[in-house]
Protein backbone atom coordinates (compact mmCIF):
# COMPACT_ATOMS: atom_id res chain seq x y z
CA MET A 1 23.80 -37.20 -30.82
CA VAL A 2 23.61 -40.32 -32.97
CA ALA A 3 26.72 -42.34 -33.72
CA ALA A 4 27.52 -43.12 -37.34
CA SER A 5 28.42 -46.76 -37.87
CA LEU A 6 28.57 -49.59 -40.37
CA SER A 7 25.87 -52.22 -40.38
CA LYS A 8 27.00 -55.45 -38.76
CA LYS A 9 25.38 -57.36 -41.62
CA ARG A 10 27.31 -55.88 -44.49
CA ALA A 11 26.42 -56.91 -47.98
CA ALA A 12 28.85 -58.15 -50.59
CA PRO A 13 30.87 -55.43 -52.33
CA THR A 14 28.45 -55.32 -55.25
CA ASP A 15 25.44 -54.77 -53.01
CA THR A 16 24.29 -51.13 -52.95
CA SER A 17 21.38 -51.52 -50.54
CA GLU A 18 21.17 -48.94 -47.76
CA SER A 19 20.63 -48.96 -44.01
CA GLU A 20 19.80 -46.28 -41.44
CA GLY A 21 22.45 -45.00 -39.03
CA SER A 22 24.28 -41.88 -40.13
CA SER A 23 24.83 -39.10 -37.64
CA ASN A 24 23.02 -36.53 -39.78
CA GLY A 25 19.96 -38.60 -40.60
CA ALA A 26 21.14 -39.65 -44.05
CA LYS A 27 21.31 -43.26 -45.08
CA ILE A 28 24.63 -45.09 -45.21
CA GLN A 29 25.30 -47.85 -47.70
CA LYS A 30 26.14 -51.16 -46.08
CA VAL A 31 29.25 -51.23 -48.22
CA HIS A 32 29.96 -47.85 -49.67
CA PRO A 33 32.52 -46.56 -52.18
CA PHE A 34 34.65 -44.89 -49.52
CA PHE A 35 36.50 -48.10 -48.68
CA SER A 36 39.62 -48.54 -50.77
CA LYS A 37 41.00 -52.03 -51.16
CA GLU A 38 44.59 -51.02 -50.55
CA GLN A 39 46.57 -47.88 -49.84
CA GLY A 40 47.12 -46.11 -53.12
CA ASP A 41 43.76 -47.22 -54.60
CA LYS A 42 42.44 -44.04 -56.24
CA GLU A 43 38.78 -45.14 -56.55
CA GLY A 44 35.96 -43.46 -54.66
CA PRO A 45 35.50 -39.96 -53.21
CA PHE A 46 37.48 -40.93 -50.09
CA ARG A 47 40.75 -42.65 -50.82
CA TRP A 48 44.01 -43.51 -49.13
CA LEU A 49 47.14 -42.40 -50.89
CA LYS A 50 50.77 -43.41 -50.51
CA PRO A 51 51.99 -42.84 -46.94
CA PHE A 52 54.85 -40.46 -46.20
CA GLY A 53 58.21 -41.10 -44.59
CA ARG A 54 61.10 -43.51 -44.98
CA LYS A 55 59.21 -45.96 -42.78
CA LYS A 56 55.76 -45.02 -44.16
CA THR A 57 54.60 -43.83 -40.74
CA CYS A 58 52.44 -40.92 -41.89
CA LEU A 59 49.13 -42.04 -43.40
CA HIS A 60 47.62 -39.79 -46.06
CA ALA A 61 44.09 -39.66 -47.46
CA VAL A 62 41.85 -37.24 -49.35
CA HIS A 63 38.09 -36.82 -49.56
CA LEU A 64 36.72 -35.52 -52.84
CA GLU A 65 39.21 -33.14 -54.48
CA PRO A 66 40.56 -30.77 -51.82
CA LYS A 67 42.00 -27.63 -53.34
CA SER A 68 45.32 -26.19 -52.23
CA VAL A 69 44.81 -22.58 -51.21
CA SER A 70 46.88 -20.22 -49.13
CA LYS A 71 44.66 -20.35 -46.04
CA VAL A 72 44.40 -23.62 -44.14
CA ALA A 73 41.89 -24.73 -41.55
CA ALA A 74 43.56 -27.58 -39.67
CA PHE A 75 41.74 -29.78 -37.16
CA ASP A 76 42.74 -32.51 -34.75
CA LEU A 77 40.54 -35.60 -35.01
CA ASP A 78 39.75 -37.33 -31.70
CA GLY A 79 38.29 -34.97 -29.13
CA THR A 80 37.95 -32.21 -31.72
CA ILE A 81 36.00 -33.28 -34.81
CA ILE A 82 34.73 -36.51 -33.26
CA LYS A 83 34.47 -37.79 -29.72
CA SER A 84 37.41 -39.80 -28.50
CA SER A 85 36.61 -43.50 -28.62
CA PHE A 86 39.60 -45.04 -26.86
CA ALA A 87 38.90 -48.42 -25.29
CA LYS A 88 35.34 -48.41 -26.62
CA GLY A 89 33.81 -51.32 -28.46
CA THR A 90 35.52 -54.56 -29.41
CA ALA A 91 37.61 -55.76 -32.29
CA LYS A 92 34.53 -57.38 -33.83
CA SER A 93 32.21 -54.39 -33.43
CA PRO A 94 31.61 -52.28 -36.56
CA PRO A 95 33.49 -48.99 -36.94
CA SER A 96 31.56 -45.98 -35.68
CA PHE A 97 31.98 -42.41 -34.51
CA GLU A 98 30.13 -39.52 -32.90
CA TRP A 99 30.62 -35.89 -33.78
CA TRP A 100 32.29 -33.95 -30.98
CA HIS A 101 29.27 -31.63 -31.17
CA ALA A 102 26.24 -31.49 -33.44
CA SER A 103 27.54 -28.21 -34.90
CA VAL A 104 30.74 -29.74 -36.28
CA PRO A 105 29.49 -30.83 -39.76
CA GLN A 106 27.90 -27.47 -40.50
CA LYS A 107 30.94 -25.59 -39.22
CA LEU A 108 33.23 -27.62 -41.48
CA LYS A 109 30.93 -26.97 -44.42
CA GLN A 110 31.00 -23.26 -43.61
CA VAL A 111 34.79 -23.04 -43.40
CA HIS A 112 35.03 -24.84 -46.75
CA GLU A 113 32.61 -22.37 -48.32
CA GLU A 114 34.74 -19.54 -46.92
CA GLY A 115 37.58 -20.76 -49.12
CA PHE A 116 39.78 -22.62 -46.65
CA SER A 117 41.64 -25.81 -47.40
CA ILE A 118 40.60 -28.28 -44.65
CA VAL A 119 43.20 -30.65 -43.23
CA ILE A 120 42.84 -33.19 -40.43
CA ILE A 121 46.07 -33.54 -38.44
CA SER A 122 46.08 -36.50 -36.07
CA ASN A 123 48.46 -38.44 -33.83
CA GLN A 124 47.42 -42.07 -33.78
CA ALA A 125 48.69 -45.18 -32.01
CA ILE A 126 47.18 -47.80 -34.27
CA ARG A 127 48.03 -51.49 -34.09
CA ALA A 128 48.24 -53.21 -37.45
CA THR A 129 45.20 -55.34 -36.61
CA GLU A 130 43.13 -52.22 -35.89
CA LEU A 131 44.21 -50.22 -38.93
CA PRO A 132 41.52 -51.45 -41.38
CA LYS A 133 38.75 -50.62 -38.91
CA TRP A 134 40.22 -47.20 -38.19
CA LYS A 135 40.38 -46.45 -41.91
CA GLN A 136 36.75 -47.44 -42.24
CA LYS A 137 35.86 -44.98 -39.49
CA LEU A 138 37.54 -42.20 -41.47
CA ALA A 139 35.50 -43.25 -44.49
CA LEU A 140 32.33 -42.92 -42.42
CA ILE A 141 33.32 -39.41 -41.43
CA ALA A 142 33.92 -38.56 -45.08
CA GLU A 143 30.54 -39.99 -46.06
CA SER A 144 28.88 -37.75 -43.49
CA LEU A 145 30.53 -34.73 -45.13
CA PRO A 146 29.43 -35.26 -48.76
CA ALA A 147 30.15 -31.68 -49.84
CA VAL A 148 33.27 -30.95 -47.77
CA PRO A 149 36.62 -31.82 -49.38
CA PHE A 150 39.42 -32.44 -46.90
CA ARG A 151 42.82 -34.04 -46.49
CA VAL A 152 43.98 -36.36 -43.68
CA PHE A 153 47.43 -36.84 -42.19
CA ALA A 154 47.87 -39.40 -39.41
CA ALA A 155 51.19 -39.88 -37.61
CA THR A 156 51.44 -43.49 -36.45
CA ALA A 157 54.90 -43.48 -34.80
CA LYS A 158 56.95 -41.30 -32.50
CA ASP A 159 59.02 -39.70 -35.21
CA GLU A 160 59.23 -36.49 -37.23
CA TYR A 161 55.54 -36.63 -38.12
CA ARG A 162 54.12 -36.80 -34.62
CA LYS A 163 52.84 -33.54 -33.16
CA PRO A 164 54.40 -31.26 -32.01
CA MET A 165 56.97 -32.18 -34.69
CA LEU A 166 56.34 -30.45 -38.01
CA GLY A 167 56.58 -33.39 -40.42
CA MET A 168 52.89 -33.34 -41.35
CA TRP A 169 52.97 -29.57 -41.89
CA HIS A 170 56.02 -29.88 -44.14
CA GLU A 171 54.30 -32.54 -46.25
CA LEU A 172 51.31 -30.21 -46.59
CA GLU A 173 53.59 -27.38 -47.70
CA ASN A 174 55.21 -29.65 -50.30
CA ILE A 175 51.82 -30.68 -51.69
CA PHE A 176 50.71 -27.06 -51.90
CA LYS A 177 53.92 -26.02 -53.67
CA GLU A 178 53.35 -28.73 -56.26
CA ASP A 179 49.88 -27.21 -56.76
CA GLY A 180 51.31 -23.72 -57.21
CA VAL A 181 50.81 -22.36 -53.67
CA GLU A 182 54.29 -21.26 -52.66
CA VAL A 183 53.44 -20.00 -49.16
CA ILE A 184 50.66 -20.85 -46.73
CA ASP A 185 49.29 -17.69 -45.11
CA LYS A 186 49.92 -18.30 -41.41
CA SER A 187 48.01 -15.19 -40.35
CA THR A 188 44.71 -16.47 -41.77
CA SER A 189 45.31 -20.19 -41.23
CA PHE A 190 44.56 -21.82 -37.86
CA PHE A 191 44.55 -25.09 -35.94
CA VAL A 192 41.84 -26.49 -33.66
CA GLY A 193 42.73 -29.15 -31.11
CA ASP A 194 41.83 -30.43 -27.66
CA ALA A 195 45.38 -31.22 -26.44
CA ALA A 196 45.80 -27.68 -25.18
CA GLY A 197 47.34 -28.10 -21.72
CA ARG A 198 44.29 -26.59 -20.05
CA GLN A 199 44.07 -26.65 -16.25
CA TYR A 200 40.63 -26.95 -14.68
CA GLY A 201 41.43 -27.14 -10.96
CA ALA A 202 41.06 -30.03 -8.52
CA GLY A 203 43.76 -31.91 -10.40
CA ARG A 204 41.84 -31.91 -13.69
CA ALA A 205 43.71 -31.03 -16.84
CA ASP A 206 43.95 -31.81 -20.53
CA PHE A 207 45.72 -35.10 -21.21
CA SER A 208 48.37 -33.29 -23.26
CA SER A 209 49.45 -29.97 -24.73
CA THR A 210 50.81 -31.20 -28.07
CA ASP A 211 48.15 -29.49 -30.21
CA ARG A 212 48.86 -26.07 -28.77
CA LYS A 213 52.62 -26.69 -29.08
CA TRP A 214 52.20 -27.75 -32.71
CA ALA A 215 50.43 -24.49 -33.54
CA LEU A 216 53.09 -22.52 -31.69
CA ASN A 217 55.85 -24.29 -33.60
CA ILE A 218 54.24 -23.41 -36.92
CA GLY A 219 53.21 -19.92 -35.88
CA ILE A 220 49.47 -20.11 -36.59
CA PRO A 221 46.51 -19.18 -34.35
CA PHE A 222 45.22 -21.94 -32.08
CA PHE A 223 41.70 -22.65 -30.81
CA THR A 224 40.21 -25.32 -28.60
CA PRO A 225 37.05 -27.08 -29.86
CA GLU A 226 34.98 -25.15 -27.32
CA GLU A 227 36.35 -21.85 -28.59
CA TYR A 228 36.01 -22.64 -32.28
CA PHE A 229 32.81 -24.67 -32.54
CA LEU A 230 30.88 -23.27 -29.57
CA GLY A 231 32.18 -19.70 -29.47
CA ARG A 232 33.22 -19.89 -25.83
CA PRO A 233 35.81 -17.51 -24.34
CA SER A 234 39.46 -18.45 -24.51
CA HIS A 235 40.63 -20.74 -21.72
CA ASP A 236 43.65 -18.80 -20.52
CA LYS A 237 44.77 -21.11 -17.73
CA TYR A 238 47.01 -23.66 -19.37
CA GLU A 239 50.46 -25.17 -18.91
CA LEU A 240 53.03 -26.29 -21.45
CA PRO A 241 55.24 -28.77 -19.62
CA GLY A 242 58.52 -30.12 -20.92
CA PHE A 243 61.85 -28.75 -22.02
CA ARG A 244 61.82 -25.45 -23.90
CA ALA A 245 65.09 -24.62 -25.57
CA SER A 246 64.18 -20.98 -26.22
CA GLU A 247 64.18 -20.33 -22.47
CA MET A 248 67.68 -21.66 -21.84
CA ASN A 249 69.79 -20.60 -24.80
CA GLY A 250 72.64 -18.49 -23.47
CA GLU A 251 72.67 -20.11 -20.04
CA TYR A 252 75.41 -22.44 -21.24
CA LYS A 253 78.68 -21.44 -22.88
CA HIS A 254 81.21 -23.67 -24.60
CA ILE A 255 84.09 -22.03 -22.75
CA ALA A 256 83.56 -19.51 -19.99
CA LYS A 257 84.50 -15.99 -21.05
CA SER A 258 86.57 -15.60 -17.89
CA ASP A 259 88.72 -18.56 -18.91
CA ALA A 260 91.51 -17.10 -21.00
CA THR A 261 93.35 -20.39 -21.41
CA PRO A 262 92.90 -21.74 -24.95
CA VAL A 263 91.37 -25.18 -25.41
CA VAL A 264 94.53 -26.38 -27.13
CA VAL A 265 97.87 -24.64 -26.67
CA GLU A 266 99.49 -24.19 -30.08
CA ASP A 267 102.80 -25.74 -29.10
CA ALA A 268 101.31 -28.39 -26.81
CA ALA A 269 103.10 -31.71 -26.57
CA GLN A 270 101.39 -35.04 -27.24
CA GLU A 271 98.30 -35.64 -25.10
CA VAL A 272 95.03 -37.55 -24.74
CA VAL A 273 91.73 -35.74 -24.21
CA ILE A 274 88.73 -37.69 -22.95
CA PHE A 275 85.22 -36.35 -23.45
CA VAL A 276 82.51 -37.10 -20.88
CA GLY A 277 78.79 -36.41 -21.19
CA TYR A 278 75.41 -37.41 -22.53
CA PRO A 279 75.03 -38.09 -26.23
CA CYS A 280 74.02 -35.08 -28.32
CA LEU A 281 75.78 -32.38 -26.31
CA GLY A 282 78.13 -31.27 -29.06
CA LYS A 283 81.17 -33.42 -28.29
CA SER A 284 81.85 -34.31 -31.93
CA THR A 285 81.35 -30.70 -33.03
CA PHE A 286 83.71 -29.57 -30.30
CA TYR A 287 86.33 -32.03 -31.59
CA ARG A 288 85.99 -30.81 -35.18
CA LYS A 289 86.30 -27.19 -34.08
CA HIS A 290 89.22 -27.44 -31.66
CA PHE A 291 91.12 -30.69 -32.12
CA ALA A 292 90.71 -31.90 -35.71
CA PRO A 293 92.58 -28.87 -37.14
CA ARG A 294 95.57 -29.78 -34.94
CA GLY A 295 95.70 -33.39 -36.11
CA TYR A 296 94.28 -35.17 -33.07
CA THR A 297 93.27 -38.74 -33.89
CA TYR A 298 89.52 -39.19 -33.47
CA ILE A 299 88.51 -42.23 -31.41
CA ASN A 300 84.82 -42.98 -31.25
CA GLN A 301 83.06 -46.26 -30.48
CA ASP A 302 80.18 -45.56 -32.87
CA VAL A 303 82.77 -45.37 -35.64
CA LEU A 304 85.07 -48.19 -34.57
CA GLY A 305 82.39 -50.54 -33.23
CA THR A 306 83.77 -51.78 -29.90
CA ARG A 307 85.71 -50.50 -26.92
CA PRO A 308 88.66 -52.89 -27.52
CA LYS A 309 89.01 -51.39 -31.01
CA CYS A 310 89.00 -47.91 -29.47
CA VAL A 311 91.71 -48.87 -26.99
CA LYS A 312 93.74 -50.43 -29.79
CA ALA A 313 93.39 -47.29 -31.93
CA LEU A 314 94.49 -45.14 -28.98
CA ARG A 315 97.60 -47.24 -28.41
CA GLU A 316 98.52 -47.17 -32.10
CA ALA A 317 98.05 -43.41 -32.40
CA LEU A 318 100.12 -42.69 -29.29
CA SER A 319 102.83 -45.03 -30.52
CA GLY A 320 102.89 -43.01 -33.72
CA GLY A 321 103.40 -39.78 -31.79
CA THR A 322 99.99 -38.18 -32.37
CA SER A 323 97.54 -36.81 -29.82
CA CYS A 324 94.08 -38.34 -29.45
CA ALA A 325 90.54 -37.31 -28.59
CA VAL A 326 88.31 -40.05 -27.14
CA ASP A 327 84.77 -39.02 -28.09
CA ASN A 328 82.51 -41.41 -26.16
CA THR A 329 80.15 -40.80 -23.25
CA ASN A 330 82.74 -42.27 -20.82
CA ARG A 331 80.21 -42.26 -18.01
CA ASP A 332 82.24 -43.65 -15.09
CA ALA A 333 85.78 -44.03 -13.79
CA ALA A 334 85.95 -47.70 -14.79
CA THR A 335 85.18 -46.85 -18.41
CA ARG A 336 87.62 -43.96 -18.51
CA ARG A 337 90.32 -46.16 -16.97
CA HIS A 338 90.58 -48.15 -20.22
CA TYR A 339 92.05 -45.03 -21.83
CA THR A 340 93.87 -43.39 -18.91
CA ALA A 341 95.74 -46.65 -18.25
CA VAL A 342 97.12 -46.70 -21.79
CA ALA A 343 98.12 -43.04 -21.54
CA LYS A 344 99.82 -43.61 -18.18
CA GLU A 345 101.65 -46.64 -19.53
CA MET A 346 102.97 -44.57 -22.43
CA ASP A 347 103.68 -41.52 -20.25
CA VAL A 348 101.25 -39.25 -22.11
CA PRO A 349 99.28 -36.64 -20.12
CA VAL A 350 95.46 -36.80 -20.11
CA ARG A 351 92.91 -34.02 -19.89
CA CYS A 352 89.17 -34.46 -19.37
CA PHE A 353 86.40 -32.33 -20.90
CA VAL A 354 83.04 -32.68 -19.17
CA PHE A 355 80.02 -31.60 -21.26
CA THR A 356 77.63 -30.36 -18.61
CA GLY A 357 74.21 -30.23 -20.29
CA SER A 358 71.23 -31.97 -18.70
CA LEU A 359 69.43 -35.10 -19.86
CA GLU A 360 66.52 -32.92 -21.00
CA LEU A 361 68.79 -30.78 -23.17
CA ALA A 362 70.57 -33.80 -24.61
CA TRP A 363 67.29 -35.55 -25.46
CA HIS A 364 65.98 -32.34 -27.04
CA ASN A 365 69.10 -32.11 -29.23
CA ASN A 366 68.60 -35.76 -30.19
CA LEU A 367 65.05 -35.03 -31.34
CA TYR A 368 66.14 -31.91 -33.18
CA ARG A 369 68.87 -33.47 -35.27
CA ALA A 370 66.88 -36.65 -36.04
CA TYR A 371 63.42 -35.14 -36.61
CA ASN A 372 63.30 -31.36 -36.74
CA LEU A 373 66.05 -29.93 -38.91
CA PRO A 374 64.83 -27.14 -41.21
CA PRO A 375 63.80 -28.63 -44.58
CA SER A 376 66.57 -26.71 -46.34
CA VAL A 377 69.15 -28.34 -44.05
CA ALA A 378 67.57 -31.81 -43.98
CA ALA A 379 67.65 -31.90 -47.79
CA THR A 380 71.44 -31.60 -47.80
CA GLU A 381 72.34 -33.96 -44.95
CA PRO A 382 71.95 -37.73 -44.60
CA PRO A 383 69.16 -38.66 -42.18
CA ARG A 384 70.21 -39.40 -38.62
CA GLU A 385 68.65 -42.13 -36.56
CA ILE A 386 67.20 -41.31 -33.17
CA ILE A 387 69.28 -42.48 -30.20
CA PRO A 388 67.09 -44.53 -27.81
CA TYR A 389 65.97 -42.78 -24.64
CA THR A 390 67.50 -45.59 -22.60
CA ALA A 391 70.96 -44.44 -23.68
CA PHE A 392 70.35 -41.20 -21.80
CA THR A 393 68.80 -42.70 -18.68
CA SER A 394 71.54 -45.33 -18.55
CA PHE A 395 74.21 -42.61 -18.61
CA ARG A 396 72.43 -40.73 -15.83
CA SER A 397 72.10 -43.78 -13.60
CA SER A 398 75.78 -44.72 -13.77
CA TYR A 399 77.47 -41.34 -14.15
CA GLU A 400 80.51 -40.59 -11.99
CA GLU A 401 81.95 -37.09 -11.85
CA PRO A 402 85.55 -37.13 -13.10
CA ASP A 403 88.11 -36.66 -10.35
CA ALA A 404 91.42 -35.20 -11.48
CA GLU A 405 93.44 -36.47 -8.54
CA LYS A 406 92.03 -39.99 -8.39
CA GLU A 407 91.94 -40.58 -12.14
CA GLY A 408 95.19 -38.85 -13.01
CA PHE A 409 93.86 -36.05 -15.20
CA LYS A 410 96.13 -33.10 -15.77
CA GLU A 411 92.99 -30.99 -16.01
CA VAL A 412 89.22 -31.43 -15.77
CA ARG A 413 87.50 -28.77 -17.80
CA LYS A 414 83.76 -28.17 -18.07
CA VAL A 415 82.15 -27.39 -21.41
CA GLY A 416 78.68 -25.90 -21.49
CA TRP A 417 76.22 -25.86 -24.35
CA VAL A 418 75.39 -23.08 -26.77
CA PHE A 419 73.53 -23.47 -30.03
CA GLU A 420 75.61 -22.82 -33.13
CA GLY A 421 73.81 -22.43 -36.43
CA SER A 422 71.89 -20.10 -38.70
CA PRO A 423 68.86 -18.13 -37.46
CA GLU A 424 66.60 -20.60 -39.27
CA GLU A 425 68.31 -23.55 -37.61
CA GLN A 426 68.05 -21.91 -34.21
CA ARG A 427 64.34 -21.25 -34.74
CA TYR A 428 63.77 -24.95 -35.38
CA TRP A 429 65.96 -25.94 -32.44
CA GLU A 430 63.96 -23.68 -30.12
CA MET A 431 60.63 -25.32 -30.99
CA TRP A 432 58.69 -27.63 -28.71
CA LEU A 433 60.02 -31.08 -29.57
CA GLN A 434 59.26 -33.34 -26.62
CA ILE A 435 56.98 -36.18 -27.66
CA ASP A 436 54.47 -37.20 -25.01
CA GLY A 437 55.89 -39.97 -22.86
CA LYS A 438 59.47 -38.71 -23.19
């Protein structure tokens, strides 16, 4: 297999002389029309368009004029269409690639002729200094497919666009809708990728399973490169590691059914309730459901800015005769003491609500609400920033179980997790969301 590459001695942009070196035997111009000067430049058969996302983290390009049709043939890039080239070459070496297998170009041509819309879906970790060279490599691939229109999406950050998140698929759906294709046919569409979680024995396995998870999240058939390009049997031994919400929903309950005592007694006197638990376990929702309707003052450090301001707000609310809910993580006894001391001083009873979900569940909820809300929901809500992973590990490392006797709580009550939302929201919550490395 011959690698396609650019000549090291490239001519000036106006030079149209040719040199040998394409992977299919054709000649490649030393400087060819596939290279756009800047993103958004519409010249040439291969061109980079405006990137997607608030932070422009999803690169977008088209080759020729790809048509939007109801059946989509989606392909991963590295390890699927071309061989992975990580840590190969140097910064000064010309961009190049090798087909994953010699059959790839003809197979792509065939699927185009069968009426599919071809889309390359790729996760990339590209440093700014390497981006121009990587774009040139994509142009080389396009040049080697002169009669195959396709579209490229490349997720460059760990956000809503990175597989197995569905950001790139949603952008594709939006483009198709603008072109008059209301629904992509998931029964005839498919995705081919090498990150399939395959196990080979003797400790050998695929580096990841994100491609298979991405296809599962969408609900389209999935093939490995060996299955699709070479016609090999399906590799049935694979693992999908990580947290899967669909397997735990129902294991947690907000309030145990056997507990007949209401969360808030209707004629309860003034009190302080302190929430304890990881971020993203439903503490704020729990407050809005049970305590806000009864006039409890909401005390939250994200809202007020600092702990001293929270303590001050607590003191003022208690002085005014109202009850309070302290909605912070309150990880240890020393932190909780800032609030219990004020309550003790003012002779107000304190209850503690411990939200018992795991770090994995909390992190999953964090990813869901920041990156994976259904489009219909995301369009009506302001975007939420992701909470750093260190906030979760820091809570875990310093967590102290609340002790009613030692800390002076009238009651310590555990609150489990259950998803609350529409069937569509639950379907998105139950998807694979864990990004590799977290």
